[in-house]
Amino acid sequence: MTLDEQVKGTAEQVSGKAKEVAGAATGDSKSEAKGKLEGLTGKARKAVDDLKEHAEDVVDDVKKKF
């Protein structure tokens, strides 16, 4: 796992959630949607990083067997 990508993903999730809540509180559906999108982008960034890490582990395991 690259710490940098995990931190970026978490920051996007937190920032997105804040924007989503602010949009909901003010009745601004556009801001709420943008916040939700930013949060989901952060979640996706973390998931891709986790997948990449898992793939690297699988490759390392295969290399050890041969």
PDB file of N, CA and C in Angstrom:
ATOM      1  N   MET A   1       0.834  -1.175   0.000  1.00  0.00           N
ATOM      2  CA  MET A   1       0.000   0.000   0.000  1.00  0.00           C
ATOM      3  C   MET A   1       0.882   1.242   0.000  1.00  0.00           C
ATOM      4  N   THR A   2       0.588   2.100  -0.913  1.00  0.00           N
ATOM      5  CA  THR A   2       1.345   3.335  -0.858  1.00  0.00           C
ATOM      6  C   THR A   2       0.627   4.296   0.073  1.00  0.00           C
ATOM      7  N   LEU A   3       1.343   4.732   1.049  1.00  0.00           N
ATOM      8  CA  LEU A   3       0.773   5.622   2.056  1.00  0.00           C
ATOM      9  C   LEU A   3       0.230   6.885   1.417  1.00  0.00           C
ATOM     10  N   ASP A   4       0.940   7.386   0.415  1.00  0.00           N
ATOM     11  CA  ASP A   4       0.534   8.618  -0.251  1.00  0.00           C
ATOM     12  C   ASP A   4      -0.870   8.490  -0.853  1.00  0.00           C
ATOM     13  N   GLU A   5      -1.122   7.402  -1.553  1.00  0.00           N
ATOM     14  CA  GLU A   5      -2.439   7.202  -2.174  1.00  0.00           C
ATOM     15  C   GLU A   5      -3.524   6.989  -1.127  1.00  0.00           C
ATOM     16  N   GLN A   6      -3.197   6.294  -0.063  1.00  0.00           N
ATOM     17  CA  GLN A   6      -4.165   6.071   1.001  1.00  0.00           C
ATOM     18  C   GLN A   6      -4.538   7.394   1.670  1.00  0.00           C
ATOM     19  N   VAL A   7      -3.536   8.241   1.907  1.00  0.00           N
ATOM     20  CA  VAL A   7      -3.790   9.547   2.530  1.00  0.00           C
ATOM     21  C   VAL A   7      -4.628  10.421   1.607  1.00  0.00           C
ATOM     22  N   LYS A   8      -4.281  10.438   0.312  1.00  0.00           N
ATOM     23  CA  LYS A   8      -5.058  11.219  -0.649  1.00  0.00           C
ATOM     24  C   LYS A   8      -6.513  10.736  -0.695  1.00  0.00           C
ATOM     25  N   GLY A   9      -6.681   9.437  -0.702  1.00  0.00           N
ATOM     26  CA  GLY A   9      -8.034   8.873  -0.733  1.00  0.00           C
ATOM     27  C   GLY A   9      -8.834   9.245   0.500  1.00  0.00           C
ATOM     28  N   THR A  10      -8.204   9.145   1.652  1.00  0.00           N
ATOM     29  CA  THR A  10      -8.890   9.497   2.901  1.00  0.00           C
ATOM     30  C   THR A  10      -9.228  10.983   2.925  1.00  0.00           C
ATOM     31  N   ALA A  11      -8.299  11.817   2.476  1.00  0.00           N
ATOM     32  CA  ALA A  11      -8.541  13.263   2.439  1.00  0.00           C
ATOM     33  C   ALA A  11      -9.721  13.589   1.522  1.00  0.00           C
ATOM     34  N   GLU A  12      -9.783  12.923   0.378  1.00  0.00           N
ATOM     35  CA  GLU A  12     -10.907  13.143  -0.538  1.00  0.00           C
ATOM     36  C   GLU A  12     -12.219  12.694   0.092  1.00  0.00           C
ATOM     37  N   GLN A  13     -12.181  11.580   0.798  1.00  0.00           N
ATOM     38  CA  GLN A  13     -13.393  11.102   1.441  1.00  0.00           C
ATOM     39  C   GLN A  13     -13.884  12.090   2.498  1.00  0.00           C
ATOM     40  N   VAL A  14     -12.979  12.572   3.324  1.00  0.00           N
ATOM     41  CA  VAL A  14     -13.347  13.500   4.399  1.00  0.00           C
ATOM     42  C   VAL A  14     -13.845  14.827   3.817  1.00  0.00           C
ATOM     43  N   SER A  15     -13.104  15.346   2.852  1.00  0.00           N
ATOM     44  CA  SER A  15     -13.488  16.606   2.225  1.00  0.00           C
ATOM     45  C   SER A  15     -14.843  16.470   1.520  1.00  0.00           C
ATOM     46  N   GLY A  16     -15.017  15.371   0.826  1.00  0.00           N
ATOM     47  CA  GLY A  16     -16.274  15.133   0.138  1.00  0.00           C
ATOM     48  C   GLY A  16     -17.446  15.029   1.090  1.00  0.00           C
ATOM     49  N   LYS A  17     -17.237  14.344   2.208  1.00  0.00           N
ATOM     50  CA  LYS A  17     -18.311  14.195   3.190  1.00  0.00           C
ATOM     51  C   LYS A  17     -18.686  15.550   3.769  1.00  0.00           C
ATOM     52  N   ALA A  18     -17.670  16.380   4.047  1.00  0.00           N
ATOM     53  CA  ALA A  18     -17.937  17.712   4.582  1.00  0.00           C
ATOM     54  C   ALA A  18     -18.767  18.538   3.595  1.00  0.00           C
ATOM     55  N   LYS A  19     -18.404  18.479   2.326  1.00  0.00           N
ATOM     56  CA  LYS A  19     -19.140  19.211   1.298  1.00  0.00           C
ATOM     57  C   LYS A  19     -20.552  18.658   1.136  1.00  0.00           C
ATOM     58  N   GLU A  20     -20.668  17.347   1.216  1.00  0.00           N
ATOM     59  CA  GLU A  20     -21.982  16.709   1.094  1.00  0.00           C
ATOM     60  C   GLU A  20     -22.906  17.153   2.231  1.00  0.00           C
ATOM     61  N   VAL A  21     -22.391  17.147   3.444  1.00  0.00           N
ATOM     62  CA  VAL A  21     -23.178  17.551   4.608  1.00  0.00           C
ATOM     63  C   VAL A  21     -23.534  19.037   4.525  1.00  0.00           C
ATOM     64  N   ALA A  22     -22.567  19.861   4.132  1.00  0.00           N
ATOM     65  CA  ALA A  22     -22.828  21.299   3.997  1.00  0.00           C
ATOM     66  C   ALA A  22     -23.897  21.550   2.938  1.00  0.00           C
ATOM     67  N   GLY A  23     -23.808  20.836   1.838  1.00  0.00           N
ATOM     68  CA  GLY A  23     -24.813  20.982   0.787  1.00  0.00           C
ATOM     69  C   GLY A  23     -26.191  20.560   1.255  1.00  0.00           C
ATOM     70  N   ALA A  24     -26.250  19.474   2.014  1.00  0.00           N
ATOM     71  CA  ALA A  24     -27.531  19.002   2.533  1.00  0.00           C
ATOM     72  C   ALA A  24     -28.101  19.998   3.544  1.00  0.00           C
ATOM     73  N   ALA A  25     -27.233  20.560   4.375  1.00  0.00           N
ATOM     74  CA  ALA A  25     -27.685  21.495   5.408  1.00  0.00           C
ATOM     75  C   ALA A  25     -28.205  22.798   4.807  1.00  0.00           C
ATOM     76  N   THR A  26     -27.619  23.211   3.696  1.00  0.00           N
ATOM     77  CA  THR A  26     -28.037  24.471   3.071  1.00  0.00           C
ATOM     78  C   THR A  26     -29.069  24.267   1.966  1.00  0.00           C
ATOM     79  N   GLY A  27     -29.379  23.027   1.666  1.00  0.00           N
ATOM     80  CA  GLY A  27     -30.344  22.741   0.611  1.00  0.00           C
ATOM     81  C   GLY A  27     -29.760  22.886  -0.792  1.00  0.00           C
ATOM     82  N   ASP A  28     -28.431  22.902  -0.878  1.00  0.00           N
ATOM     83  CA  ASP A  28     -27.752  23.036  -2.169  1.00  0.00           C
ATOM     84  C   ASP A  28     -27.451  21.640  -2.710  1.00  0.00           C
ATOM     85  N   SER A  29     -28.353  21.129  -3.524  1.00  0.00           N
ATOM     86  CA  SER A  29     -28.211  19.755  -4.017  1.00  0.00           C
ATOM     87  C   SER A  29     -26.993  19.584  -4.919  1.00  0.00           C
ATOM     88  N   LYS A  30     -26.592  20.649  -5.613  1.00  0.00           N
ATOM     89  CA  LYS A  30     -25.412  20.570  -6.484  1.00  0.00           C
ATOM     90  C   LYS A  30     -24.154  20.369  -5.639  1.00  0.00           C
ATOM     91  N   SER A  31     -24.010  21.127  -4.565  1.00  0.00           N
ATOM     92  CA  SER A  31     -22.854  20.969  -3.669  1.00  0.00           C
ATOM     93  C   SER A  31     -22.880  19.607  -2.981  1.00  0.00           C
ATOM     94  N   GLU A  32     -24.070  19.189  -2.624  1.00  0.00           N
ATOM     95  CA  GLU A  32     -24.217  17.880  -1.986  1.00  0.00           C
ATOM     96  C   GLU A  32     -23.757  16.771  -2.938  1.00  0.00           C
ATOM     97  N   ALA A  33     -24.158  16.859  -4.197  1.00  0.00           N
ATOM     98  CA  ALA A  33     -23.771  15.853  -5.191  1.00  0.00           C
ATOM     99  C   ALA A  33     -22.272  15.894  -5.462  1.00  0.00           C
ATOM    100  N   LYS A  34     -21.711  17.094  -5.553  1.00  0.00           N
ATOM    101  CA  LYS A  34     -20.264  17.216  -5.773  1.00  0.00           C
ATOM    102  C   LYS A  34     -19.489  16.610  -4.598  1.00  0.00           C
ATOM    103  N   GLY A  35     -19.983  16.828  -3.383  1.00  0.00           N
ATOM    104  CA  GLY A  35     -19.345  16.260  -2.204  1.00  0.00           C
ATOM    105  C   GLY A  35     -19.400  14.745  -2.215  1.00  0.00           C
ATOM    106  N   LYS A  36     -20.555  14.221  -2.580  1.00  0.00           N
ATOM    107  CA  LYS A  36     -20.703  12.769  -2.646  1.00  0.00           C
ATOM    108  C   LYS A  36     -19.751  12.187  -3.696  1.00  0.00           C
ATOM    109  N   LEU A  37     -19.649  12.852  -4.838  1.00  0.00           N
ATOM    110  CA  LEU A  37     -18.742  12.404  -5.904  1.00  0.00           C
ATOM    111  C   LEU A  37     -17.292  12.432  -5.418  1.00  0.00           C
ATOM    112  N   GLU A  38     -16.910  13.490  -4.726  1.00  0.00           N
ATOM    113  CA  GLU A  38     -15.539  13.584  -4.226  1.00  0.00           C
ATOM    114  C   GLU A  38     -15.254  12.471  -3.212  1.00  0.00           C
ATOM    115  N   GLY A  39     -16.228  12.199  -2.357  1.00  0.00           N
ATOM    116  CA  GLY A  39     -16.061  11.116  -1.386  1.00  0.00           C
ATOM    117  C   GLY A  39     -15.918   9.764  -2.048  1.00  0.00           C
ATOM    118  N   LEU A  40     -16.723   9.528  -3.074  1.00  0.00           N
ATOM    119  CA  LEU A  40     -16.636   8.259  -3.802  1.00  0.00           C
ATOM    120  C   LEU A  40     -15.329   8.150  -4.577  1.00  0.00           C
ATOM    121  N   THR A  41     -14.831   9.279  -5.072  1.00  0.00           N
ATOM    122  CA  THR A  41     -13.543   9.288  -5.761  1.00  0.00           C
ATOM    123  C   THR A  41     -12.435   8.874  -4.799  1.00  0.00           C
ATOM    124  N   GLY A  42     -12.494   9.384  -3.587  1.00  0.00           N
ATOM    125  CA  GLY A  42     -11.511   9.005  -2.577  1.00  0.00           C
ATOM    126  C   GLY A  42     -11.583   7.537  -2.227  1.00  0.00           C
ATOM    127  N   LYS A  43     -12.799   7.046  -2.113  1.00  0.00           N
ATOM    128  CA  LYS A  43     -12.986   5.632  -1.810  1.00  0.00           C
ATOM    129  C   LYS A  43     -12.439   4.759  -2.944  1.00  0.00           C
ATOM    130  N   ALA A  44     -12.692   5.179  -4.179  1.00  0.00           N
ATOM    131  CA  ALA A  44     -12.185   4.437  -5.337  1.00  0.00           C
ATOM    132  C   ALA A  44     -10.660   4.476  -5.384  1.00  0.00           C
ATOM    133  N   ARG A  45     -10.063   5.639  -5.060  1.00  0.00           N
ATOM    134  CA  ARG A  45      -8.606   5.753  -5.061  1.00  0.00           C
ATOM    135  C   ARG A  45      -8.005   4.745  -4.077  1.00  0.00           C
ATOM    136  N   LYS A  46      -8.598   4.635  -2.907  1.00  0.00           N
ATOM    137  CA  LYS A  46      -8.090   3.696  -1.907  1.00  0.00           C
ATOM    138  C   LYS A  46      -8.278   2.252  -2.369  1.00  0.00           C
ATOM    139  N   ALA A  47      -9.418   1.967  -3.002  1.00  0.00           N
ATOM    140  CA  ALA A  47      -9.684   0.606  -3.472  1.00  0.00           C
ATOM    141  C   ALA A  47      -8.703   0.201  -4.573  1.00  0.00           C
ATOM    142  N   VAL A  48      -8.408   1.111  -5.484  1.00  0.00           N
ATOM    143  CA  VAL A  48      -7.450   0.823  -6.556  1.00  0.00           C
ATOM    144  C   VAL A  48      -6.073   0.576  -5.962  1.00  0.00           C
ATOM    145  N   ASP A  49      -5.695   1.381  -4.969  1.00  0.00           N
ATOM    146  CA  ASP A  49      -4.401   1.192  -4.327  1.00  0.00           C
ATOM    147  C   ASP A  49      -4.333  -0.165  -3.625  1.00  0.00           C
ATOM    148  N   ASP A  50      -5.419  -0.548  -2.958  1.00  0.00           N
ATOM    149  CA  ASP A  50      -5.461  -1.863  -2.301  1.00  0.00           C
ATOM    150  C   ASP A  50      -5.352  -2.988  -3.326  1.00  0.00           C
ATOM    151  N   LEU A  51      -6.042  -2.839  -4.452  1.00  0.00           N
ATOM    152  CA  LEU A  51      -5.996  -3.843  -5.509  1.00  0.00           C
ATOM    153  C   LEU A  51      -4.582  -3.956  -6.087  1.00  0.00           C
ATOM    154  N   LYS A  52      -3.956  -2.821  -6.293  1.00  0.00           N
ATOM    155  CA  LYS A  52      -2.588  -2.803  -6.808  1.00  0.00           C
ATOM    156  C   LYS A  52      -1.648  -3.515  -5.841  1.00  0.00           C
ATOM    157  N   GLU A  53      -1.806  -3.261  -4.566  1.00  0.00           N
ATOM    158  CA  GLU A  53      -0.972  -3.903  -3.543  1.00  0.00           C
ATOM    159  C   GLU A  53      -1.188  -5.420  -3.550  1.00  0.00           C
ATOM    160  N   HIS A  54      -2.440  -5.824  -3.656  1.00  0.00           N
ATOM    161  CA  HIS A  54      -2.751  -7.252  -3.682  1.00  0.00           C
ATOM    162  C   HIS A  54      -2.136  -7.917  -4.916  1.00  0.00           C
ATOM    163  N   ALA A  55      -2.231  -7.248  -6.056  1.00  0.00           N
ATOM    164  CA  ALA A  55      -1.651  -7.797  -7.286  1.00  0.00           C
ATOM    165  C   ALA A  55      -0.136  -7.944  -7.147  1.00  0.00           C
ATOM    166  N   GLU A  56       0.501  -6.969  -6.537  1.00  0.00           N
ATOM    167  CA  GLU A  56       1.948  -7.049  -6.328  1.00  0.00           C
ATOM    168  C   GLU A  56       2.299  -8.225  -5.413  1.00  0.00           C
ATOM    169  N   ASP A  57       1.476  -8.456  -4.389  1.00  0.00           N
ATOM    170  CA  ASP A  57       1.704  -9.592  -3.488  1.00  0.00           C
ATOM    171  C   ASP A  57       1.572 -10.916  -4.233  1.00  0.00           C
ATOM    172  N   VAL A  58       0.578 -11.024  -5.114  1.00  0.00           N
ATOM    173  CA  VAL A  58       0.370 -12.244  -5.891  1.00  0.00           C
ATOM    174  C   VAL A  58       1.570 -12.489  -6.806  1.00  0.00           C
ATOM    175  N   VAL A  59       2.034 -11.442  -7.455  1.00  0.00           N
ATOM    176  CA  VAL A  59       3.199 -11.573  -8.339  1.00  0.00           C
ATOM    177  C   VAL A  59       4.414 -12.037  -7.532  1.00  0.00           C
ATOM    178  N   ASP A  60       4.616 -11.462  -6.370  1.00  0.00           N
ATOM    179  CA  ASP A  60       5.741 -11.860  -5.518  1.00  0.00           C
ATOM    180  C   ASP A  60       5.627 -13.328  -5.107  1.00  0.00           C
ATOM    181  N   ASP A  61       4.412 -13.768  -4.766  1.00  0.00           N
ATOM    182  CA  ASP A  61       4.202 -15.165  -4.386  1.00  0.00           C
ATOM    183  C   ASP A  61       4.506 -16.111  -5.551  1.00  0.00           C
ATOM    184  N   VAL A  62       4.086 -15.737  -6.748  1.00  0.00           N
ATOM    185  CA  VAL A  62       4.344 -16.567  -7.926  1.00  0.00           C
ATOM    186  C   VAL A  62       5.843 -16.636  -8.197  1.00  0.00           C
ATOM    187  N   LYS A  63       6.528 -15.521  -8.070  1.00  0.00           N
ATOM    188  CA  LYS A  63       7.975 -15.498  -8.297  1.00  0.00           C
ATOM    189  C   LYS A  63       8.701 -16.415  -7.310  1.00  0.00           C
ATOM    190  N   LYS A  64       8.230 -16.472  -6.089  1.00  0.00           N
ATOM    191  CA  LYS A  64       8.864 -17.312  -5.066  1.00  0.00           C
ATOM    192  C   LYS A  64       8.704 -18.800  -5.388  1.00  0.00           C
ATOM    193  N   LYS A  65       7.607 -19.133  -6.050  1.00  0.00           N
ATOM    194  CA  LYS A  65       7.339 -20.531  -6.355  1.00  0.00           C
ATOM    195  C   LYS A  65       8.148 -21.032  -7.545  1.00  0.00           C
ATOM    196  N   PHE A  66       8.676 -20.139  -8.339  1.00  0.00           N
ATOM    197  CA  PHE A  66       9.429 -20.553  -9.524  1.00  0.00           C
ATOM    198  C   PHE A  66      10.855 -20.234  -9.382  1.00  0.00           C
TER     199      PHE A  66
END
